[in-house]
Amino acid sequence: MITKDSIETAYSFLHQKQRIYVHSTLDWQKDDIEMAIAAYADEMSPDLYDGICGGRTDFLRDHQHFLEDITKAVEMLEGML
């Protein structure tokens, strides 16, 4: 079950981290954000994660696609608000 609170919480957290990630020039900061988001995804409501991951088990956990994934997640969560 996806609650409004879980959507709002996920959106707020991911949006904030996305904004920092996009503007960061520090590799260590980007790595920290990637690790924090991956940990958050592990604890996220399974229904909510399934609703935004598009069937990818590595969504928000793959370094190569992280910026694309977090951007997609923020857009999808915004649409769910």
N, C-alpha and C. Protein backbone atom coordinates (compact mmCIF):
# COMPACT_ATOMS: atom_id res chain seq x y z
N MET A 1 0.84 -1.18 0.00
CA MET A 1 0.00 0.00 0.00
C MET A 1 0.89 1.24 0.00
N ILE A 2 0.60 2.14 -0.88
CA ILE A 2 1.37 3.38 -0.98
C ILE A 2 0.58 4.49 -0.30
N THR A 3 1.19 5.08 0.71
CA THR A 3 0.52 6.17 1.42
C THR A 3 1.00 7.51 0.90
N LYS A 4 0.18 8.52 1.10
CA LYS A 4 0.55 9.87 0.70
C LYS A 4 1.82 10.30 1.44
N ASP A 5 1.92 9.94 2.71
CA ASP A 5 3.11 10.30 3.50
C ASP A 5 4.37 9.68 2.92
N SER A 6 4.28 8.43 2.48
CA SER A 6 5.48 7.79 1.93
C SER A 6 5.90 8.45 0.62
N ILE A 7 4.94 8.88 -0.17
CA ILE A 7 5.25 9.58 -1.42
C ILE A 7 5.90 10.92 -1.11
N GLU A 8 5.31 11.68 -0.19
CA GLU A 8 5.84 12.99 0.17
C GLU A 8 7.24 12.90 0.75
N THR A 9 7.45 11.92 1.62
CA THR A 9 8.76 11.74 2.23
C THR A 9 9.81 11.38 1.19
N ALA A 10 9.48 10.43 0.33
CA ALA A 10 10.42 10.01 -0.72
C ALA A 10 10.71 11.16 -1.66
N TYR A 11 9.68 11.88 -2.05
CA TYR A 11 9.87 13.01 -2.96
C TYR A 11 10.78 14.07 -2.34
N SER A 12 10.51 14.43 -1.11
CA SER A 12 11.32 15.46 -0.44
C SER A 12 12.78 15.05 -0.35
N PHE A 13 13.02 13.83 0.07
CA PHE A 13 14.39 13.34 0.24
C PHE A 13 15.12 13.26 -1.11
N LEU A 14 14.48 12.63 -2.08
CA LEU A 14 15.14 12.44 -3.37
C LEU A 14 15.31 13.78 -4.11
N HIS A 15 14.35 14.65 -4.02
CA HIS A 15 14.45 15.95 -4.68
C HIS A 15 15.62 16.75 -4.10
N GLN A 16 15.72 16.76 -2.79
CA GLN A 16 16.81 17.49 -2.13
C GLN A 16 18.17 16.93 -2.57
N LYS A 17 18.31 15.63 -2.52
CA LYS A 17 19.58 15.00 -2.89
C LYS A 17 19.89 15.17 -4.37
N GLN A 18 18.86 15.13 -5.21
CA GLN A 18 19.07 15.34 -6.64
C GLN A 18 19.63 16.74 -6.90
N ARG A 19 19.07 17.74 -6.27
CA ARG A 19 19.52 19.12 -6.48
C ARG A 19 20.99 19.27 -6.07
N ILE A 20 21.37 18.69 -4.97
CA ILE A 20 22.76 18.76 -4.52
C ILE A 20 23.65 18.00 -5.50
N TYR A 21 23.23 16.80 -5.88
CA TYR A 21 24.02 15.95 -6.77
C TYR A 21 24.30 16.64 -8.10
N VAL A 22 23.28 17.24 -8.67
CA VAL A 22 23.40 17.89 -9.98
C VAL A 22 24.43 19.02 -9.96
N HIS A 23 24.49 19.74 -8.86
CA HIS A 23 25.36 20.91 -8.79
C HIS A 23 26.71 20.65 -8.12
N SER A 24 26.89 19.46 -7.61
CA SER A 24 28.13 19.14 -6.91
C SER A 24 29.29 18.93 -7.89
N THR A 25 30.44 19.40 -7.49
CA THR A 25 31.67 19.15 -8.25
C THR A 25 32.61 18.23 -7.47
N LEU A 26 32.13 17.71 -6.36
CA LEU A 26 32.94 16.87 -5.49
C LEU A 26 32.56 15.40 -5.65
N ASP A 27 33.48 14.60 -6.12
CA ASP A 27 33.20 13.18 -6.34
C ASP A 27 32.79 12.48 -5.05
N TRP A 28 33.44 12.79 -3.94
CA TRP A 28 33.11 12.14 -2.68
C TRP A 28 31.68 12.47 -2.24
N GLN A 29 31.25 13.71 -2.53
CA GLN A 29 29.88 14.11 -2.17
C GLN A 29 28.86 13.34 -3.02
N LYS A 30 29.14 13.21 -4.29
CA LYS A 30 28.26 12.46 -5.16
C LYS A 30 28.20 10.99 -4.74
N ASP A 31 29.34 10.42 -4.37
CA ASP A 31 29.37 9.03 -3.90
C ASP A 31 28.54 8.88 -2.62
N ASP A 32 28.67 9.83 -1.71
CA ASP A 32 27.89 9.79 -0.47
C ASP A 32 26.39 9.85 -0.76
N ILE A 33 26.01 10.69 -1.69
CA ILE A 33 24.59 10.80 -2.05
C ILE A 33 24.11 9.50 -2.68
N GLU A 34 24.89 8.92 -3.56
CA GLU A 34 24.51 7.65 -4.18
C GLU A 34 24.32 6.56 -3.13
N MET A 35 25.22 6.50 -2.16
CA MET A 35 25.10 5.50 -1.10
C MET A 35 23.87 5.75 -0.23
N ALA A 36 23.61 7.03 0.10
CA ALA A 36 22.44 7.36 0.92
C ALA A 36 21.14 7.02 0.20
N ILE A 37 21.08 7.30 -1.09
CA ILE A 37 19.87 7.00 -1.86
C ILE A 37 19.69 5.49 -2.01
N ALA A 38 20.76 4.76 -2.24
CA ALA A 38 20.67 3.29 -2.34
C ALA A 38 20.15 2.71 -1.03
N ALA A 39 20.65 3.21 0.10
CA ALA A 39 20.19 2.74 1.41
C ALA A 39 18.72 3.10 1.60
N TYR A 40 18.34 4.30 1.18
CA TYR A 40 16.95 4.72 1.28
C TYR A 40 16.06 3.81 0.43
N ALA A 41 16.50 3.50 -0.77
CA ALA A 41 15.72 2.62 -1.66
C ALA A 41 15.52 1.25 -1.02
N ASP A 42 16.52 0.77 -0.29
CA ASP A 42 16.42 -0.53 0.38
C ASP A 42 15.34 -0.52 1.46
N GLU A 43 15.10 0.64 2.07
CA GLU A 43 14.14 0.76 3.16
C GLU A 43 12.80 1.33 2.72
N MET A 44 12.71 1.78 1.49
CA MET A 44 11.50 2.39 0.96
C MET A 44 10.37 1.38 0.91
N SER A 45 9.16 1.87 0.98
CA SER A 45 7.99 1.01 0.81
C SER A 45 8.15 0.19 -0.46
N PRO A 46 8.07 -1.13 -0.36
CA PRO A 46 8.23 -1.96 -1.56
C PRO A 46 7.23 -1.61 -2.67
N ASP A 47 6.01 -1.29 -2.30
CA ASP A 47 5.01 -0.92 -3.30
C ASP A 47 5.40 0.38 -4.01
N LEU A 48 5.90 1.33 -3.25
CA LEU A 48 6.31 2.60 -3.84
C LEU A 48 7.52 2.40 -4.75
N TYR A 49 8.51 1.65 -4.26
CA TYR A 49 9.69 1.37 -5.08
C TYR A 49 9.29 0.68 -6.39
N ASP A 50 8.42 -0.33 -6.28
CA ASP A 50 7.95 -1.04 -7.48
C ASP A 50 7.23 -0.10 -8.44
N GLY A 51 6.57 0.91 -7.88
CA GLY A 51 5.83 1.85 -8.70
C GLY A 51 6.71 2.82 -9.48
N ILE A 52 7.94 3.02 -9.03
CA ILE A 52 8.82 3.98 -9.71
C ILE A 52 10.02 3.33 -10.41
N CYS A 53 10.28 2.07 -10.13
CA CYS A 53 11.53 1.46 -10.64
C CYS A 53 11.44 0.95 -12.07
N GLY A 54 10.25 0.84 -12.60
CA GLY A 54 10.10 0.34 -13.97
C GLY A 54 10.60 -1.08 -14.15
N GLY A 55 10.54 -1.87 -13.09
CA GLY A 55 10.96 -3.27 -13.17
C GLY A 55 12.45 -3.51 -13.01
N ARG A 56 13.23 -2.43 -12.83
CA ARG A 56 14.69 -2.57 -12.67
C ARG A 56 15.04 -2.78 -11.20
N THR A 57 15.71 -3.87 -10.91
CA THR A 57 16.09 -4.14 -9.53
C THR A 57 17.26 -3.29 -9.07
N ASP A 58 18.01 -2.71 -10.03
CA ASP A 58 19.15 -1.87 -9.66
C ASP A 58 18.81 -0.37 -9.70
N PHE A 59 17.53 -0.05 -9.84
CA PHE A 59 17.08 1.34 -9.90
C PHE A 59 17.50 2.09 -8.64
N LEU A 60 18.13 3.22 -8.81
CA LEU A 60 18.69 4.07 -7.74
C LEU A 60 19.89 3.44 -7.05
N ARG A 61 20.39 2.33 -7.59
CA ARG A 61 21.52 1.64 -6.99
C ARG A 61 22.69 1.47 -7.96
N ASP A 62 22.52 1.91 -9.18
CA ASP A 62 23.52 1.71 -10.22
C ASP A 62 24.26 3.01 -10.49
N HIS A 63 25.56 3.01 -10.24
CA HIS A 63 26.37 4.21 -10.40
C HIS A 63 26.27 4.78 -11.82
N GLN A 64 26.27 3.91 -12.81
CA GLN A 64 26.26 4.35 -14.22
C GLN A 64 24.99 5.12 -14.59
N HIS A 65 23.87 4.77 -13.97
CA HIS A 65 22.58 5.36 -14.33
C HIS A 65 21.98 6.21 -13.21
N PHE A 66 22.79 6.54 -12.21
CA PHE A 66 22.23 7.19 -11.03
C PHE A 66 21.52 8.50 -11.34
N LEU A 67 22.15 9.39 -12.06
CA LEU A 67 21.53 10.69 -12.34
C LEU A 67 20.22 10.52 -13.11
N GLU A 68 20.23 9.65 -14.07
CA GLU A 68 19.01 9.36 -14.85
C GLU A 68 17.92 8.78 -13.94
N ASP A 69 18.32 7.85 -13.07
CA ASP A 69 17.36 7.20 -12.17
C ASP A 69 16.76 8.18 -11.17
N ILE A 70 17.59 8.98 -10.53
CA ILE A 70 17.05 9.88 -9.51
C ILE A 70 16.18 10.95 -10.15
N THR A 71 16.53 11.37 -11.35
CA THR A 71 15.71 12.35 -12.07
C THR A 71 14.34 11.75 -12.40
N LYS A 72 14.34 10.51 -12.87
CA LYS A 72 13.09 9.82 -13.18
C LYS A 72 12.26 9.62 -11.92
N ALA A 73 12.90 9.23 -10.83
CA ALA A 73 12.19 8.99 -9.58
C ALA A 73 11.52 10.27 -9.08
N VAL A 74 12.24 11.37 -9.11
CA VAL A 74 11.69 12.65 -8.65
C VAL A 74 10.49 13.03 -9.53
N GLU A 75 10.61 12.89 -10.82
CA GLU A 75 9.50 13.22 -11.73
C GLU A 75 8.28 12.34 -11.46
N MET A 76 8.51 11.07 -11.27
CA MET A 76 7.40 10.15 -11.02
C MET A 76 6.73 10.44 -9.68
N LEU A 77 7.53 10.67 -8.67
CA LEU A 77 6.97 10.97 -7.34
C LEU A 77 6.20 12.30 -7.36
N GLU A 78 6.73 13.27 -8.07
CA GLU A 78 6.03 14.55 -8.19
C GLU A 78 4.66 14.35 -8.82
N GLY A 79 4.61 13.50 -9.82
CA GLY A 79 3.33 13.20 -10.47
C GLY A 79 2.35 12.46 -9.57
N MET A 80 2.87 11.79 -8.56
CA MET A 80 2.01 11.04 -7.64
C MET A 80 1.48 11.92 -6.50
N LEU A 81 2.07 13.08 -6.33
CA LEU A 81 1.65 13.95 -5.22
C LEU A 81 0.26 14.51 -5.44
